[in-house]
Each structure stands twice: as C-alpha cells, then as structure tokens.
Amino acid sequence: MSLSMATAARMRYYNDTASASIAAEASPHRLIAMLYEGALERLALARSAIARRDVSAKLRAINGAMAIVEHLRIVLDHGQGGELPQRLDALYDYMLRRMTQANASNDADALAEVSGLVMTIKTGWDQIAPEPR
C-alpha cells in the first residue's frame, strides 16, 4: 500500500469513527439533520465526479445519496403529522427517480435540483426545535 493510500485509509477510518461517535450521542432530531447533510455532501461529490468524468466516484456518491434518501423515506412516521409524511414520501420518491435518471445520463443539473430539494427540507427541519432529551 502506498503512503497516500495508507493516509487516505487512515483518514476514512478517522472520519467514520468520528461520525459514529457523534451519531451515538446525537438526538433523533440531530440524526435526521446529519442524514440531510450526508445526502447534500454525496450529491456535491456526485456532481463533481460527473464534471471530472469519474464514473466510479459518481456511482459511489449517487448510491450513497440514494441510500440516505431511501432511509429517510423508510423512517417516516405515517401515523403522525397529517399529510406531511405522505408528501415527504412522494418527494423522496421523486428525488430517487431523479437521481436514477441523473446517474444514467450524467445529468449534474438533475443532481443540483435534488440538492435544492434536500436543502429546502433541511432548512425547515433545522427550524424545528429538537425534543428535550
């Protein structure tokens, strides 16, 4: 393993460990915020990978963003919040379809659209007061 590969592996381990530590102590509200942040990060990485024509990086980033959005969709509580969970479910479904299309056609604009949608939801989420622990 070269020095740069070893350094990269150590950095990934550090980031993974740090994220796991933060997640273990985070409130449910903060965990959802972290998922939105992770989706935005992966969408930005995917757009960058498209610009560089790095297919492997694009696939990893889009798959990661899709996994996060699918998780957000799965954890929706349809028994609370009236119409909101159904509307979010439909929006998450739309985002997943747009990311699939973006992946197939290397469409960075579609990923920018999804990023905008995630940012809008995250902004609203961030304005909700977290529940006391």
Protein backbone atom coordinates (compact mmCIF):
# COMPACT_ATOMS: atom_id res chain seq x y z
CA MET A 1 0.00 0.00 0.00
CA SER A 2 1.46 3.36 -0.95
CA LEU A 3 1.86 6.17 1.54
CA SER A 4 -1.01 8.19 0.04
CA MET A 5 -3.33 5.15 0.05
CA ALA A 6 -2.42 4.43 3.68
CA THR A 7 -3.04 8.07 4.60
CA ALA A 8 -6.39 8.03 2.80
CA ALA A 9 -7.37 4.82 4.60
CA ARG A 10 -6.48 6.36 7.98
CA MET A 11 -8.49 9.48 7.16
CA ARG A 12 -11.53 7.38 6.18
CA TYR A 13 -11.21 5.42 9.43
CA TYR A 14 -10.94 8.64 11.44
CA ASN A 15 -13.96 10.18 9.71
CA ASP A 16 -16.01 7.00 10.11
CA THR A 17 -15.08 6.73 13.80
CA ALA A 18 -15.78 10.40 14.46
CA SER A 19 -19.15 10.20 12.69
CA ALA A 20 -20.09 7.06 14.64
CA SER A 21 -19.19 8.76 17.93
CA ILE A 22 -21.25 11.83 17.10
CA ALA A 23 -24.20 9.71 15.95
CA ALA A 24 -24.12 7.63 19.14
CA GLU A 25 -24.63 10.75 21.25
CA ALA A 26 -26.90 12.72 18.92
CA SER A 27 -30.58 13.31 19.48
CA PRO A 28 -33.05 11.84 16.96
CA HIS A 29 -33.53 15.38 15.62
CA ARG A 30 -29.78 15.78 15.08
CA LEU A 31 -29.52 12.35 13.43
CA ILE A 32 -32.05 13.38 10.78
CA ALA A 33 -30.15 16.64 10.24
CA MET A 34 -26.96 14.59 9.80
CA LEU A 35 -28.69 12.45 7.16
CA TYR A 36 -29.67 15.56 5.21
CA GLU A 37 -26.09 16.83 5.49
CA GLY A 38 -24.76 13.48 4.28
CA ALA A 39 -27.11 13.48 1.30
CA LEU A 40 -26.03 17.00 0.35
CA GLU A 41 -22.36 16.05 0.65
CA ARG A 42 -22.79 12.99 -1.56
CA LEU A 43 -24.79 14.93 -4.14
CA ALA A 44 -21.99 17.52 -4.33
CA LEU A 45 -19.44 14.71 -4.71
CA ALA A 46 -21.52 13.16 -7.49
CA ARG A 47 -21.76 16.46 -9.36
CA SER A 48 -18.02 16.93 -9.05
CA ALA A 49 -17.41 13.37 -10.27
CA ILE A 50 -19.61 13.98 -13.30
CA ALA A 51 -17.57 17.08 -14.13
CA ARG A 52 -14.35 15.04 -13.83
CA ARG A 53 -15.85 12.10 -15.74
CA ASP A 54 -15.04 9.84 -12.79
CA VAL A 55 -17.68 7.15 -13.21
CA SER A 56 -16.65 5.15 -10.15
CA ALA A 57 -16.81 8.15 -7.82
CA LYS A 58 -20.13 9.23 -9.35
CA LEU A 59 -21.63 5.80 -8.72
CA ARG A 60 -20.44 5.69 -5.10
CA ALA A 61 -21.72 9.18 -4.38
CA ILE A 62 -25.11 8.75 -6.05
CA ASN A 63 -25.61 5.34 -4.44
CA GLY A 64 -24.79 6.88 -1.06
CA ALA A 65 -27.21 9.76 -1.57
CA MET A 66 -29.92 7.35 -2.72
CA ALA A 67 -29.37 5.13 0.33
CA ILE A 68 -29.77 8.12 2.63
CA VAL A 69 -32.94 9.34 0.92
CA GLU A 70 -34.37 5.82 0.97
CA HIS A 71 -33.60 5.59 4.70
CA LEU A 72 -35.32 8.94 5.30
CA ARG A 73 -38.30 7.61 3.38
CA ILE A 74 -38.43 4.37 5.37
CA VAL A 75 -38.35 6.09 8.77
CA LEU A 76 -41.26 8.43 8.01
CA ASP A 77 -43.95 8.11 10.67
CA HIS A 78 -47.16 7.95 8.66
CA GLY A 79 -49.20 7.89 11.89
CA GLN A 80 -48.17 11.43 12.82
CA GLY A 81 -48.08 14.77 11.10
CA GLY A 82 -51.21 14.57 8.96
CA GLU A 83 -50.40 14.88 5.26
CA LEU A 84 -46.74 15.75 5.78
CA PRO A 85 -45.39 12.18 5.82
CA GLN A 86 -47.30 11.33 2.62
CA ARG A 87 -45.99 14.46 0.92
CA LEU A 88 -42.43 13.76 2.03
CA ASP A 89 -42.78 10.17 0.84
CA ALA A 90 -43.79 11.40 -2.61
CA LEU A 91 -40.96 13.95 -2.65
CA TYR A 92 -38.39 11.34 -1.60
CA ASP A 93 -39.70 9.05 -4.34
CA TYR A 94 -39.28 11.88 -6.87
CA MET A 95 -35.72 12.53 -5.63
CA LEU A 96 -34.83 8.85 -6.00
CA ARG A 97 -36.17 8.80 -9.57
CA ARG A 98 -34.26 12.00 -10.45
CA MET A 99 -31.03 10.59 -9.01
CA THR A 100 -31.53 7.40 -11.03
CA GLN A 101 -32.03 9.49 -14.18
CA ALA A 102 -29.01 11.65 -13.33
CA ASN A 103 -26.89 8.56 -12.87
CA ALA A 104 -27.93 7.09 -16.20
CA SER A 105 -27.41 10.31 -18.17
CA ASN A 106 -24.63 12.04 -16.18
CA ASP A 107 -27.02 14.91 -15.51
CA ALA A 108 -25.44 17.22 -12.96
CA ASP A 109 -28.41 19.60 -13.28
CA ALA A 110 -30.77 16.88 -12.03
CA LEU A 111 -28.48 16.37 -9.03
CA ALA A 112 -28.49 20.13 -8.41
CA GLU A 113 -32.29 20.00 -8.44
CA VAL A 114 -32.29 17.21 -5.85
CA SER A 115 -29.74 19.13 -3.76
CA GLY A 116 -32.06 22.12 -3.78
CA LEU A 117 -34.96 19.98 -2.61
CA VAL A 118 -32.89 18.40 0.17
CA MET A 119 -31.66 21.84 1.25
CA THR A 120 -35.24 23.14 1.41
CA ILE A 121 -36.31 20.23 3.61
CA LYS A 122 -33.19 20.53 5.76
CA THR A 123 -33.78 24.26 6.28
CA GLY A 124 -37.29 23.52 7.52
CA TRP A 125 -36.05 20.66 9.69
CA ASP A 126 -33.36 22.85 11.24
CA GLN A 127 -36.04 25.37 12.29
CA ILE A 128 -37.93 22.76 14.29
CA ALA A 129 -36.92 22.80 17.94
CA PRO A 130 -35.42 19.46 18.95
CA GLU A 131 -37.21 17.46 21.60
CA PRO A 132 -35.60 17.62 25.04
CA ARG A 133 -33.60 14.52 25.91
